[in-house]
PDB file of N, CA and C in Angstrom:
ATOM      1  N   MET A   1       0.842  -1.166   0.000  1.00  0.00           N
ATOM      2  CA  MET A   1       0.000   0.000   0.000  1.00  0.00           C
ATOM      3  C   MET A   1       0.886   1.226   0.000  1.00  0.00           C
ATOM      4  N   GLY A   2       0.463   2.246  -0.721  1.00  0.00           N
ATOM      5  CA  GLY A   2       1.183   3.512  -0.729  1.00  0.00           C
ATOM      6  C   GLY A   2       0.406   4.568   0.029  1.00  0.00           C
ATOM      7  N   CYS A   3       1.094   5.283   0.826  1.00  0.00           N
ATOM      8  CA  CYS A   3       0.513   6.388   1.573  1.00  0.00           C
ATOM      9  C   CYS A   3       1.190   7.645   1.056  1.00  0.00           C
ATOM     10  N   ILE A   4       0.450   8.490   0.374  1.00  0.00           N
ATOM     11  CA  ILE A   4       1.033   9.671  -0.241  1.00  0.00           C
ATOM     12  C   ILE A   4       0.727  10.888   0.612  1.00  0.00           C
ATOM     13  N   MET A   5       1.757  11.608   0.985  1.00  0.00           N
ATOM     14  CA  MET A   5       1.609  12.856   1.723  1.00  0.00           C
ATOM     15  C   MET A   5       2.022  13.975   0.796  1.00  0.00           C
ATOM     16  N   SER A   6       1.074  14.803   0.419  1.00  0.00           N
ATOM     17  CA  SER A   6       1.376  15.880  -0.521  1.00  0.00           C
ATOM     18  C   SER A   6       1.459  17.201   0.223  1.00  0.00           C
ATOM     19  N   CYS A   7       2.488  17.952  -0.061  1.00  0.00           N
ATOM     20  CA  CYS A   7       2.718  19.238   0.582  1.00  0.00           C
ATOM     21  C   CYS A   7       3.233  20.226  -0.450  1.00  0.00           C
ATOM     22  N   PRO A   8       2.705  21.456  -0.464  1.00  0.00           N
ATOM     23  CA  PRO A   8       3.225  22.440  -1.405  1.00  0.00           C
ATOM     24  C   PRO A   8       4.650  22.849  -1.080  1.00  0.00           C
ATOM     25  N   ARG A   9       5.046  22.696   0.140  1.00  0.00           N
ATOM     26  CA  ARG A   9       6.424  22.977   0.562  1.00  0.00           C
ATOM     27  C   ARG A   9       6.592  22.310   1.928  1.00  0.00           C
ATOM     28  N   LEU A  10       7.790  22.238   2.417  1.00  0.00           N
ATOM     29  CA  LEU A  10       7.996  21.641   3.728  1.00  0.00           C
ATOM     30  C   LEU A  10       7.383  22.579   4.758  1.00  0.00           C
ATOM     31  N   HIS A  11       6.220  22.282   5.185  1.00  0.00           N
ATOM     32  CA  HIS A  11       5.367  23.163   5.966  1.00  0.00           C
ATOM     33  C   HIS A  11       5.347  22.700   7.425  1.00  0.00           C
ATOM     34  N   TYR A  12       5.036  23.609   8.319  1.00  0.00           N
ATOM     35  CA  TYR A  12       4.970  23.296   9.743  1.00  0.00           C
ATOM     36  C   TYR A  12       3.992  22.153  10.014  1.00  0.00           C
ATOM     37  N   GLU A  13       2.850  22.148   9.311  1.00  0.00           N
ATOM     38  CA  GLU A  13       1.865  21.081   9.506  1.00  0.00           C
ATOM     39  C   GLU A  13       2.495  19.725   9.196  1.00  0.00           C
ATOM     40  N   TRP A  14       3.255  19.670   8.103  1.00  0.00           N
ATOM     41  CA  TRP A  14       3.894  18.411   7.729  1.00  0.00           C
ATOM     42  C   TRP A  14       4.840  17.941   8.828  1.00  0.00           C
ATOM     43  N   LEU A  15       5.558  18.869   9.426  1.00  0.00           N
ATOM     44  CA  LEU A  15       6.481  18.494  10.490  1.00  0.00           C
ATOM     45  C   LEU A  15       5.731  17.886  11.671  1.00  0.00           C
ATOM     46  N   ARG A  16       4.535  18.384  11.947  1.00  0.00           N
ATOM     47  CA  ARG A  16       3.745  17.831  13.045  1.00  0.00           C
ATOM     48  C   ARG A  16       3.214  16.451  12.695  1.00  0.00           C
ATOM     49  N   VAL A  17       2.846  16.232  11.432  1.00  0.00           N
ATOM     50  CA  VAL A  17       2.353  14.918  11.021  1.00  0.00           C
ATOM     51  C   VAL A  17       3.478  13.897  11.091  1.00  0.00           C
ATOM     52  N   ALA A  18       4.643  14.278  10.604  1.00  0.00           N
ATOM     53  CA  ALA A  18       5.744  13.328  10.472  1.00  0.00           C
ATOM     54  C   ALA A  18       6.543  13.143  11.751  1.00  0.00           C
ATOM     55  N   HIS A  19       6.326  13.983  12.736  1.00  0.00           N
ATOM     56  CA  HIS A  19       7.133  13.918  13.955  1.00  0.00           C
ATOM     57  C   HIS A  19       7.031  12.532  14.588  1.00  0.00           C
ATOM     58  N   GLY A  20       8.129  11.834  14.565  1.00  0.00           N
ATOM     59  CA  GLY A  20       8.163  10.533  15.210  1.00  0.00           C
ATOM     60  C   GLY A  20       7.683   9.374  14.365  1.00  0.00           C
ATOM     61  N   LEU A  21       7.052   9.610  13.225  1.00  0.00           N
ATOM     62  CA  LEU A  21       6.576   8.521  12.381  1.00  0.00           C
ATOM     63  C   LEU A  21       7.674   8.168  11.398  1.00  0.00           C
ATOM     64  N   ASN A  22       8.276   7.019  11.582  1.00  0.00           N
ATOM     65  CA  ASN A  22       9.350   6.566  10.714  1.00  0.00           C
ATOM     66  C   ASN A  22       8.834   5.481   9.784  1.00  0.00           C
ATOM     67  N   MET A  23       9.523   5.303   8.678  1.00  0.00           N
ATOM     68  CA  MET A  23       9.152   4.233   7.763  1.00  0.00           C
ATOM     69  C   MET A  23       9.231   2.883   8.462  1.00  0.00           C
ATOM     70  N   SER A  24      10.138   2.729   9.394  1.00  0.00           N
ATOM     71  CA  SER A  24      10.269   1.443  10.083  1.00  0.00           C
ATOM     72  C   SER A  24       9.018   1.104  10.899  1.00  0.00           C
ATOM     73  N   ASP A  25       8.239   2.124  11.269  1.00  0.00           N
ATOM     74  CA  ASP A  25       7.009   1.889  12.036  1.00  0.00           C
ATOM     75  C   ASP A  25       5.923   1.231  11.195  1.00  0.00           C
ATOM     76  N   VAL A  26       5.941   1.464   9.892  1.00  0.00           N
ATOM     77  CA  VAL A  26       4.885   0.951   9.014  1.00  0.00           C
ATOM     78  C   VAL A  26       5.445   0.138   7.849  1.00  0.00           C
ATOM     79  N   LYS A  27       6.713  -0.246   7.914  1.00  0.00           N
ATOM     80  CA  LYS A  27       7.371  -0.885   6.776  1.00  0.00           C
ATOM     81  C   LYS A  27       6.747  -2.212   6.370  1.00  0.00           C
ATOM     82  N   ASN A  28       6.044  -2.884   7.259  1.00  0.00           N
ATOM     83  CA  ASN A  28       5.443  -4.172   6.928  1.00  0.00           C
ATOM     84  C   ASN A  28       4.165  -4.045   6.111  1.00  0.00           C
ATOM     85  N   PHE A  29       3.555  -2.854   6.076  1.00  0.00           N
ATOM     86  CA  PHE A  29       2.295  -2.735   5.358  1.00  0.00           C
ATOM     87  C   PHE A  29       2.128  -1.448   4.577  1.00  0.00           C
ATOM     88  N   ALA A  30       3.110  -0.570   4.553  1.00  0.00           N
ATOM     89  CA  ALA A  30       2.936   0.683   3.809  1.00  0.00           C
ATOM     90  C   ALA A  30       4.277   1.273   3.395  1.00  0.00           C
ATOM     91  N   VAL A  31       4.211   2.046   2.325  1.00  0.00           N
ATOM     92  CA  VAL A  31       5.335   2.858   1.872  1.00  0.00           C
ATOM     93  C   VAL A  31       4.829   4.290   1.839  1.00  0.00           C
ATOM     94  N   ILE A  32       5.582   5.213   2.404  1.00  0.00           N
ATOM     95  CA  ILE A  32       5.161   6.612   2.454  1.00  0.00           C
ATOM     96  C   ILE A  32       5.947   7.401   1.422  1.00  0.00           C
ATOM     97  N   TYR A  33       5.219   8.135   0.575  1.00  0.00           N
ATOM     98  CA  TYR A  33       5.825   8.995  -0.432  1.00  0.00           C
ATOM     99  C   TYR A  33       5.490  10.439  -0.102  1.00  0.00           C
ATOM    100  N   LEU A  34       6.465  11.298  -0.167  1.00  0.00           N
ATOM    101  CA  LEU A  34       6.253  12.731   0.014  1.00  0.00           C
ATOM    102  C   LEU A  34       6.278  13.371  -1.363  1.00  0.00           C
ATOM    103  N   VAL A  35       5.199  14.069  -1.716  1.00  0.00           N
ATOM    104  CA  VAL A  35       5.064  14.672  -3.036  1.00  0.00           C
ATOM    105  C   VAL A  35       4.886  16.174  -2.881  1.00  0.00           C
ATOM    106  N   ASP A  36       5.684  16.946  -3.595  1.00  0.00           N
ATOM    107  CA  ASP A  36       5.533  18.400  -3.631  1.00  0.00           C
ATOM    108  C   ASP A  36       4.555  18.730  -4.751  1.00  0.00           C
ATOM    109  N   ILE A  37       3.339  19.184  -4.387  1.00  0.00           N
ATOM    110  CA  ILE A  37       2.295  19.393  -5.394  1.00  0.00           C
ATOM    111  C   ILE A  37       2.548  20.594  -6.289  1.00  0.00           C
ATOM    112  N   THR A  38       3.509  21.430  -5.939  1.00  0.00           N
ATOM    113  CA  THR A  38       3.860  22.528  -6.846  1.00  0.00           C
ATOM    114  C   THR A  38       4.760  22.030  -7.967  1.00  0.00           C
ATOM    115  N   GLU A  39       5.502  20.961  -7.713  1.00  0.00           N
ATOM    116  CA  GLU A  39       6.370  20.395  -8.740  1.00  0.00           C
ATOM    117  C   GLU A  39       5.676  19.317  -9.557  1.00  0.00           C
ATOM    118  N   VAL A  40       4.669  18.661  -8.999  1.00  0.00           N
ATOM    119  CA  VAL A  40       3.926  17.607  -9.687  1.00  0.00           C
ATOM    120  C   VAL A  40       2.441  17.949  -9.593  1.00  0.00           C
ATOM    121  N   PRO A  41       1.946  18.879 -10.418  1.00  0.00           N
ATOM    122  CA  PRO A  41       0.575  19.373 -10.274  1.00  0.00           C
ATOM    123  C   PRO A  41      -0.492  18.534 -10.987  1.00  0.00           C
ATOM    124  N   ASP A  42      -0.144  17.379 -11.513  1.00  0.00           N
ATOM    125  CA  ASP A  42      -1.062  16.604 -12.346  1.00  0.00           C
ATOM    126  C   ASP A  42      -2.377  16.249 -11.658  1.00  0.00           C
ATOM    127  N   PHE A  43      -2.353  15.916 -10.382  1.00  0.00           N
ATOM    128  CA  PHE A  43      -3.550  15.449  -9.693  1.00  0.00           C
ATOM    129  C   PHE A  43      -4.151  16.479  -8.745  1.00  0.00           C
ATOM    130  N   ASN A  44      -3.642  17.694  -8.758  1.00  0.00           N
ATOM    131  CA  ASN A  44      -4.123  18.705  -7.814  1.00  0.00           C
ATOM    132  C   ASN A  44      -5.615  18.961  -7.945  1.00  0.00           C
ATOM    133  N   LYS A  45      -6.096  19.117  -9.150  1.00  0.00           N
ATOM    134  CA  LYS A  45      -7.514  19.407  -9.353  1.00  0.00           C
ATOM    135  C   LYS A  45      -8.367  18.167  -9.102  1.00  0.00           C
ATOM    136  N   MET A  46      -7.909  17.023  -9.596  1.00  0.00           N
ATOM    137  CA  MET A  46      -8.680  15.791  -9.460  1.00  0.00           C
ATOM    138  C   MET A  46      -8.906  15.419  -7.995  1.00  0.00           C
ATOM    139  N   TYR A  47      -7.878  15.550  -7.181  1.00  0.00           N
ATOM    140  CA  TYR A  47      -7.971  15.169  -5.773  1.00  0.00           C
ATOM    141  C   TYR A  47      -8.122  16.364  -4.837  1.00  0.00           C
ATOM    142  N   GLU A  48      -8.323  17.546  -5.387  1.00  0.00           N
ATOM    143  CA  GLU A  48      -8.512  18.778  -4.614  1.00  0.00           C
ATOM    144  C   GLU A  48      -7.372  18.966  -3.611  1.00  0.00           C
ATOM    145  N   LEU A  49      -6.164  18.967  -4.125  1.00  0.00           N
ATOM    146  CA  LEU A  49      -4.972  19.107  -3.279  1.00  0.00           C
ATOM    147  C   LEU A  49      -4.589  20.568  -3.182  1.00  0.00           C
ATOM    148  N   TYR A  50      -5.090  21.247  -2.170  1.00  0.00           N
ATOM    149  CA  TYR A  50      -4.793  22.661  -1.970  1.00  0.00           C
ATOM    150  C   TYR A  50      -4.461  22.973  -0.511  1.00  0.00           C
ATOM    151  N   ASP A  51      -4.567  21.995   0.359  1.00  0.00           N
ATOM    152  CA  ASP A  51      -4.278  22.193   1.780  1.00  0.00           C
ATOM    153  C   ASP A  51      -2.769  22.164   2.030  1.00  0.00           C
ATOM    154  N   PRO A  52      -2.320  22.724   3.168  1.00  0.00           N
ATOM    155  CA  PRO A  52      -0.881  22.710   3.475  1.00  0.00           C
ATOM    156  C   PRO A  52      -0.291  21.303   3.516  1.00  0.00           C
ATOM    157  N   CYS A  53      -1.072  20.341   3.959  1.00  0.00           N
ATOM    158  CA  CYS A  53      -0.604  18.956   3.986  1.00  0.00           C
ATOM    159  C   CYS A  53      -1.800  18.032   3.826  1.00  0.00           C
ATOM    160  N   THR A  54      -1.656  17.037   2.981  1.00  0.00           N
ATOM    161  CA  THR A  54      -2.737  16.103   2.715  1.00  0.00           C
ATOM    162  C   THR A  54      -2.178  14.691   2.707  1.00  0.00           C
ATOM    163  N   VAL A  55      -2.907  13.761   3.320  1.00  0.00           N
ATOM    164  CA  VAL A  55      -2.520  12.353   3.303  1.00  0.00           C
ATOM    165  C   VAL A  55      -3.599  11.588   2.555  1.00  0.00           C
ATOM    166  N   MET A  56      -3.175  10.826   1.539  1.00  0.00           N
ATOM    167  CA  MET A  56      -4.088   9.994   0.760  1.00  0.00           C
ATOM    168  C   MET A  56      -3.530   8.583   0.721  1.00  0.00           C
ATOM    169  N   PHE A  57      -4.415   7.614   0.466  1.00  0.00           N
ATOM    170  CA  PHE A  57      -4.008   6.216   0.476  1.00  0.00           C
ATOM    171  C   PHE A  57      -4.304   5.571  -0.871  1.00  0.00           C
ATOM    172  N   PHE A  58      -3.361   4.770  -1.345  1.00  0.00           N
ATOM    173  CA  PHE A  58      -3.507   4.041  -2.599  1.00  0.00           C
ATOM    174  C   PHE A  58      -3.056   2.606  -2.383  1.00  0.00           C
ATOM    175  N   PHE A  59      -3.790   1.674  -3.014  1.00  0.00           N
ATOM    176  CA  PHE A  59      -3.429   0.261  -2.966  1.00  0.00           C
ATOM    177  C   PHE A  59      -3.593  -0.309  -4.357  1.00  0.00           C
ATOM    178  N   ARG A  60      -2.510  -0.827  -4.914  1.00  0.00           N
ATOM    179  CA  ARG A  60      -2.500  -1.380  -6.270  1.00  0.00           C
ATOM    180  C   ARG A  60      -3.088  -0.397  -7.277  1.00  0.00           C
ATOM    181  N   ASN A  61      -2.605   0.816  -7.205  1.00  0.00           N
ATOM    182  CA  ASN A  61      -2.975   1.901  -8.122  1.00  0.00           C
ATOM    183  C   ASN A  61      -4.441   2.328  -7.995  1.00  0.00           C
ATOM    184  N   LYS A  62      -5.081   2.037  -6.877  1.00  0.00           N
ATOM    185  CA  LYS A  62      -6.468   2.427  -6.637  1.00  0.00           C
ATOM    186  C   LYS A  62      -6.523   3.309  -5.395  1.00  0.00           C
ATOM    187  N   HIS A  63      -7.247   4.414  -5.507  1.00  0.00           N
ATOM    188  CA  HIS A  63      -7.404   5.326  -4.376  1.00  0.00           C
ATOM    189  C   HIS A  63      -8.325   4.683  -3.348  1.00  0.00           C
ATOM    190  N   ILE A  64      -7.861   4.561  -2.122  1.00  0.00           N
ATOM    191  CA  ILE A  64      -8.650   3.994  -1.031  1.00  0.00           C
ATOM    192  C   ILE A  64      -9.160   5.146  -0.176  1.00  0.00           C
ATOM    193  N   THR A  65     -10.467   5.210  -0.013  1.00  0.00           N
ATOM    194  CA  THR A  65     -11.054   6.263   0.808  1.00  0.00           C
ATOM    195  C   THR A  65     -11.243   5.740   2.233  1.00  0.00           C
ATOM    196  N   ILE A  66     -11.289   6.678   3.169  1.00  0.00           N
ATOM    197  CA  ILE A  66     -11.414   6.308   4.579  1.00  0.00           C
ATOM    198  C   ILE A  66     -12.448   7.202   5.255  1.00  0.00           C
ATOM    199  N   ASP A  67     -13.401   6.572   5.923  1.00  0.00           N
ATOM    200  CA  ASP A  67     -14.446   7.307   6.635  1.00  0.00           C
ATOM    201  C   ASP A  67     -13.918   7.685   8.014  1.00  0.00           C
ATOM    202  N   LEU A  68     -13.604   8.961   8.158  1.00  0.00           N
ATOM    203  CA  LEU A  68     -13.076   9.481   9.420  1.00  0.00           C
ATOM    204  C   LEU A  68     -14.143  10.210  10.227  1.00  0.00           C
ATOM    205  N   GLY A  69     -15.361  10.292   9.671  1.00  0.00           N
ATOM    206  CA  GLY A  69     -16.435  11.008  10.341  1.00  0.00           C
ATOM    207  C   GLY A  69     -16.463  12.484  10.008  1.00  0.00           C
ATOM    208  N   THR A  70     -15.584  12.939   9.112  1.00  0.00           N
ATOM    209  CA  THR A  70     -15.491  14.362   8.794  1.00  0.00           C
ATOM    210  C   THR A  70     -16.292  14.749   7.562  1.00  0.00           C
ATOM    211  N   GLY A  71     -16.770  13.781   6.810  1.00  0.00           N
ATOM    212  CA  GLY A  71     -17.488  14.077   5.576  1.00  0.00           C
ATOM    213  C   GLY A  71     -16.612  13.991   4.349  1.00  0.00           C
ATOM    214  N   ASN A  72     -15.327  14.198   4.487  1.00  0.00           N
ATOM    215  CA  ASN A  72     -14.396  14.079   3.369  1.00  0.00           C
ATOM    216  C   ASN A  72     -13.664  12.751   3.511  1.00  0.00           C
ATOM    217  N   ASN A  73     -14.060  11.784   2.694  1.00  0.00           N
ATOM    218  CA  ASN A  73     -13.479  10.449   2.795  1.00  0.00           C
ATOM    219  C   ASN A  73     -12.237  10.272   1.936  1.00  0.00           C
ATOM    220  N   ASN A  74     -11.866  11.287   1.162  1.00  0.00           N
ATOM    221  CA  ASN A  74     -10.766  11.149   0.216  1.00  0.00           C
ATOM    222  C   ASN A  74      -9.391  11.308   0.836  1.00  0.00           C
ATOM    223  N   LYS A  75      -9.292  12.072   1.907  1.00  0.00           N
ATOM    224  CA  LYS A  75      -7.963  12.427   2.406  1.00  0.00           C
ATOM    225  C   LYS A  75      -8.016  12.874   3.859  1.00  0.00           C
ATOM    226  N   ILE A  76      -6.839  12.938   4.464  1.00  0.00           N
ATOM    227  CA  ILE A  76      -6.663  13.527   5.790  1.00  0.00           C
ATOM    228  C   ILE A  76      -5.943  14.840   5.554  1.00  0.00           C
ATOM    229  N   ASN A  77      -6.541  15.945   5.972  1.00  0.00           N
ATOM    230  CA  ASN A  77      -5.924  17.248   5.710  1.00  0.00           C
ATOM    231  C   ASN A  77      -5.720  18.058   6.995  1.00  0.00           C
ATOM    232  N   TRP A  78      -5.428  17.371   8.065  1.00  0.00           N
ATOM    233  CA  TRP A  78      -5.072  18.044   9.308  1.00  0.00           C
ATOM    234  C   TRP A  78      -3.897  17.281   9.928  1.00  0.00           C
ATOM    235  N   ALA A  79      -3.227  17.929  10.852  1.00  0.00           N
ATOM    236  CA  ALA A  79      -2.063  17.317  11.495  1.00  0.00           C
ATOM    237  C   ALA A  79      -2.513  16.352  12.579  1.00  0.00           C
ATOM    238  N   MET A  80      -1.957  15.176  12.567  1.00  0.00           N
ATOM    239  CA  MET A  80      -2.217  14.194  13.613  1.00  0.00           C
ATOM    240  C   MET A  80      -1.341  14.528  14.805  1.00  0.00           C
ATOM    241  N   GLU A  81      -1.932  14.536  15.968  1.00  0.00           N
ATOM    242  CA  GLU A  81      -1.191  14.850  17.185  1.00  0.00           C
ATOM    243  C   GLU A  81      -0.479  13.629  17.757  1.00  0.00           C
ATOM    244  N   ASN A  82      -0.965  12.452  17.406  1.00  0.00           N
ATOM    245  CA  ASN A  82      -0.471  11.231  18.024  1.00  0.00           C
ATOM    246  C   ASN A  82       0.086  10.291  16.960  1.00  0.00           C
ATOM    247  N   LYS A  83       1.303   9.868  17.135  1.00  0.00           N
ATOM    248  CA  LYS A  83       1.961   8.961  16.190  1.00  0.00           C
ATOM    249  C   LYS A  83       1.187   7.650  16.073  1.00  0.00           C
ATOM    250  N   GLN A  84       0.727   7.104  17.182  1.00  0.00           N
ATOM    251  CA  GLN A  84       0.045   5.816  17.157  1.00  0.00           C
ATOM    252  C   GLN A  84      -1.289   5.894  16.420  1.00  0.00           C
ATOM    253  N   GLU A  85      -1.988   7.023  16.497  1.00  0.00           N
ATOM    254  CA  GLU A  85      -3.235   7.189  15.744  1.00  0.00           C
ATOM    255  C   GLU A  85      -2.980   7.070  14.252  1.00  0.00           C
ATOM    256  N   MET A  86      -1.903   7.702  13.779  1.00  0.00           N
ATOM    257  CA  MET A  86      -1.576   7.642  12.355  1.00  0.00           C
ATOM    258  C   MET A  86      -1.211   6.222  11.944  1.00  0.00           C
ATOM    259  N   ILE A  87      -0.449   5.530  12.767  1.00  0.00           N
ATOM    260  CA  ILE A  87      -0.099   4.136  12.475  1.00  0.00           C
ATOM    261  C   ILE A  87      -1.354   3.277  12.426  1.00  0.00           C
ATOM    262  N   ASP A  88      -2.288   3.486  13.355  1.00  0.00           N
ATOM    263  CA  ASP A  88      -3.542   2.725  13.377  1.00  0.00           C
ATOM    264  C   ASP A  88      -4.360   2.968  12.119  1.00  0.00           C
ATOM    265  N   ILE A  89      -4.413   4.215  11.654  1.00  0.00           N
ATOM    266  CA  ILE A  89      -5.158   4.529  10.434  1.00  0.00           C
ATOM    267  C   ILE A  89      -4.516   3.849   9.233  1.00  0.00           C
ATOM    268  N   ILE A  90      -3.196   3.940   9.121  1.00  0.00           N
ATOM    269  CA  ILE A  90      -2.505   3.316   7.989  1.00  0.00           C
ATOM    270  C   ILE A  90      -2.726   1.809   7.996  1.00  0.00           C
ATOM    271  N   GLU A  91      -2.657   1.192   9.162  1.00  0.00           N
ATOM    272  CA  GLU A  91      -2.868  -0.252   9.251  1.00  0.00           C
ATOM    273  C   GLU A  91      -4.306  -0.632   8.917  1.00  0.00           C
ATOM    274  N   THR A  92      -5.273   0.160   9.350  1.00  0.00           N
ATOM    275  CA  THR A  92      -6.678  -0.100   9.041  1.00  0.00           C
ATOM    276  C   THR A  92      -6.930  -0.010   7.543  1.00  0.00           C
ATOM    277  N   VAL A  93      -6.360   1.004   6.911  1.00  0.00           N
ATOM    278  CA  VAL A  93      -6.514   1.147   5.462  1.00  0.00           C
ATOM    279  C   VAL A  93      -5.886  -0.044   4.751  1.00  0.00           C
ATOM    280  N   TYR A  94      -4.729  -0.454   5.184  1.00  0.00           N
ATOM    281  CA  TYR A  94      -4.047  -1.596   4.567  1.00  0.00           C
ATOM    282  C   TYR A  94      -4.889  -2.868   4.669  1.00  0.00           C
ATOM    283  N   ARG A  95      -5.398  -3.146   5.843  1.00  0.00           N
ATOM    284  CA  ARG A  95      -6.202  -4.364   6.030  1.00  0.00           C
ATOM    285  C   ARG A  95      -7.476  -4.335   5.191  1.00  0.00           C
ATOM    286  N   GLY A  96      -8.127  -3.176   5.139  1.00  0.00           N
ATOM    287  CA  GLY A  96      -9.334  -3.065   4.322  1.00  0.00           C
ATOM    288  C   GLY A  96      -9.041  -3.174   2.838  1.00  0.00           C
ATOM    289  N   ALA A  97      -7.968  -2.555   2.390  1.00  0.00           N
ATOM    290  CA  ALA A  97      -7.605  -2.597   0.972  1.00  0.00           C
ATOM    291  C   ALA A  97      -7.239  -4.012   0.545  1.00  0.00           C
ATOM    292  N   ARG A  98      -6.568  -4.751   1.404  1.00  0.00           N
ATOM    293  CA  ARG A  98      -6.220  -6.141   1.074  1.00  0.00           C
ATOM    294  C   ARG A  98      -7.459  -7.006   0.915  1.00  0.00           C
ATOM    295  N   LYS A  99      -8.535  -6.643   1.594  1.00  0.00           N
ATOM    296  CA  LYS A  99      -9.787  -7.390   1.475  1.00  0.00           C
ATOM    297  C   LYS A  99     -10.623  -6.914   0.293  1.00  0.00           C
ATOM    298  N   GLY A 100     -10.116  -5.930  -0.460  1.00  0.00           N
ATOM    299  CA  GLY A 100     -10.822  -5.449  -1.639  1.00  0.00           C
ATOM    300  C   GLY A 100     -11.770  -4.299  -1.383  1.00  0.00           C
ATOM    301  N   ARG A 101     -11.736  -3.723  -0.217  1.00  0.00           N
ATOM    302  CA  ARG A 101     -12.634  -2.616   0.102  1.00  0.00           C
ATOM    303  C   ARG A 101     -12.070  -1.309  -0.436  1.00  0.00           C
ATOM    304  N   GLY A 102     -12.927  -0.522  -1.045  1.00  0.00           N
ATOM    305  CA  GLY A 102     -12.526   0.791  -1.535  1.00  0.00           C
ATOM    306  C   GLY A 102     -12.737   1.874  -0.494  1.00  0.00           C
ATOM    307  N   LEU A 103     -13.574   1.575   0.512  1.00  0.00           N
ATOM    308  CA  LEU A 103     -13.847   2.501   1.617  1.00  0.00           C
ATOM    309  C   LEU A 103     -13.657   1.742   2.920  1.00  0.00           C
ATOM    310  N   VAL A 104     -12.829   2.279   3.790  1.00  0.00           N
ATOM    311  CA  VAL A 104     -12.619   1.668   5.102  1.00  0.00           C
ATOM    312  C   VAL A 104     -13.040   2.665   6.174  1.00  0.00           C
ATOM    313  N   VAL A 105     -13.371   2.148   7.339  1.00  0.00           N
ATOM    314  CA  VAL A 105     -13.815   2.990   8.452  1.00  0.00           C
ATOM    315  C   VAL A 105     -12.652   3.164   9.422  1.00  0.00           C
ATOM    316  N   SER A 106     -12.417   4.395   9.809  1.00  0.00           N
ATOM    317  CA  SER A 106     -11.322   4.740  10.715  1.00  0.00           C
ATOM    318  C   SER A 106     -11.543   4.116  12.088  1.00  0.00           C
ATOM    319  N   PRO A 107     -10.464   3.743  12.771  1.00  0.00           N
ATOM    320  CA  PRO A 107     -10.625   3.212  14.126  1.00  0.00           C
ATOM    321  C   PRO A 107     -11.089   4.265  15.129  1.00  0.00           C
ATOM    322  N   LYS A 108     -10.995   5.537  14.772  1.00  0.00           N
ATOM    323  CA  LYS A 108     -11.425   6.622  15.656  1.00  0.00           C
ATOM    324  C   LYS A 108     -12.292   7.589  14.858  1.00  0.00           C
ATOM    325  N   ASP A 109     -13.322   8.128  15.502  1.00  0.00           N
ATOM    326  CA  ASP A 109     -14.199   9.106  14.855  1.00  0.00           C
ATOM    327  C   ASP A 109     -13.651  10.509  15.093  1.00  0.00           C
ATOM    328  N   TYR A 110     -13.366  11.218  13.999  1.00  0.00           N
ATOM    329  CA  TYR A 110     -12.804  12.568  14.094  1.00  0.00           C
ATOM    330  C   TYR A 110     -13.850  13.652  13.835  1.00  0.00           C
ATOM    331  N   SER A 111     -15.135  13.305  13.885  1.00  0.00           N
ATOM    332  CA  SER A 111     -16.177  14.276  13.560  1.00  0.00           C
ATOM    333  C   SER A 111     -16.253  15.417  14.569  1.00  0.00           C
ATOM    334  N   THR A 112     -15.827  15.200  15.790  1.00  0.00           N
ATOM    335  CA  THR A 112     -15.905  16.251  16.811  1.00  0.00           C
ATOM    336  C   THR A 112     -14.547  16.859  17.126  1.00  0.00           C
ATOM    337  N   LYS A 113     -13.551  16.557  16.338  1.00  0.00           N
ATOM    338  CA  LYS A 113     -12.189  17.027  16.631  1.00  0.00           C
ATOM    339  C   LYS A 113     -12.084  18.542  16.613  1.00  0.00           C
ATOM    340  N   TYR A 114     -12.704  19.193  15.628  1.00  0.00           N
ATOM    341  CA  TYR A 114     -12.574  20.637  15.492  1.00  0.00           C
ATOM    342  C   TYR A 114     -13.902  21.336  15.743  1.00  0.00           C
ATOM    343  N   ARG A 115     -14.570  20.991  16.820  1.00  0.00           N
ATOM    344  CA  ARG A 115     -15.837  21.617  17.164  1.00  0.00           C
ATOM    345  C   ARG A 115     -15.563  22.970  17.806  1.00  0.00           C
ATOM    346  N   TYR A 116     -16.230  24.005  17.322  1.00  0.00           N
ATOM    347  CA  TYR A 116     -15.999  25.368  17.820  1.00  0.00           C
ATOM    348  C   TYR A 116     -17.130  25.827  18.700  1.00  0.00           C
TER     349      TYR A 116
END
């Protein structure tokens, strides 16, 4: 499974997402690619890549969506505060994608994360 993190530049948000998450933590089920969307703009419009940092999941060249409770199942566009939460999401996506699911449900509901 490929986990693509797209960033227009090395941004503070990206540093918070990546803090402590090493490839060795997910090497058994995922490969993480960092893509600069200003240098590779081909999918910006298709996947609505305009946020400071976006995480998307692909398995065998297919986009895997994830229900996080936020309404946007295509991507994660906020910084994860906890390394283990990100590992759990990546592992959940991997297990669902291996079973042929195009949509997987997150182990945690993020619908109330940014309630004002």
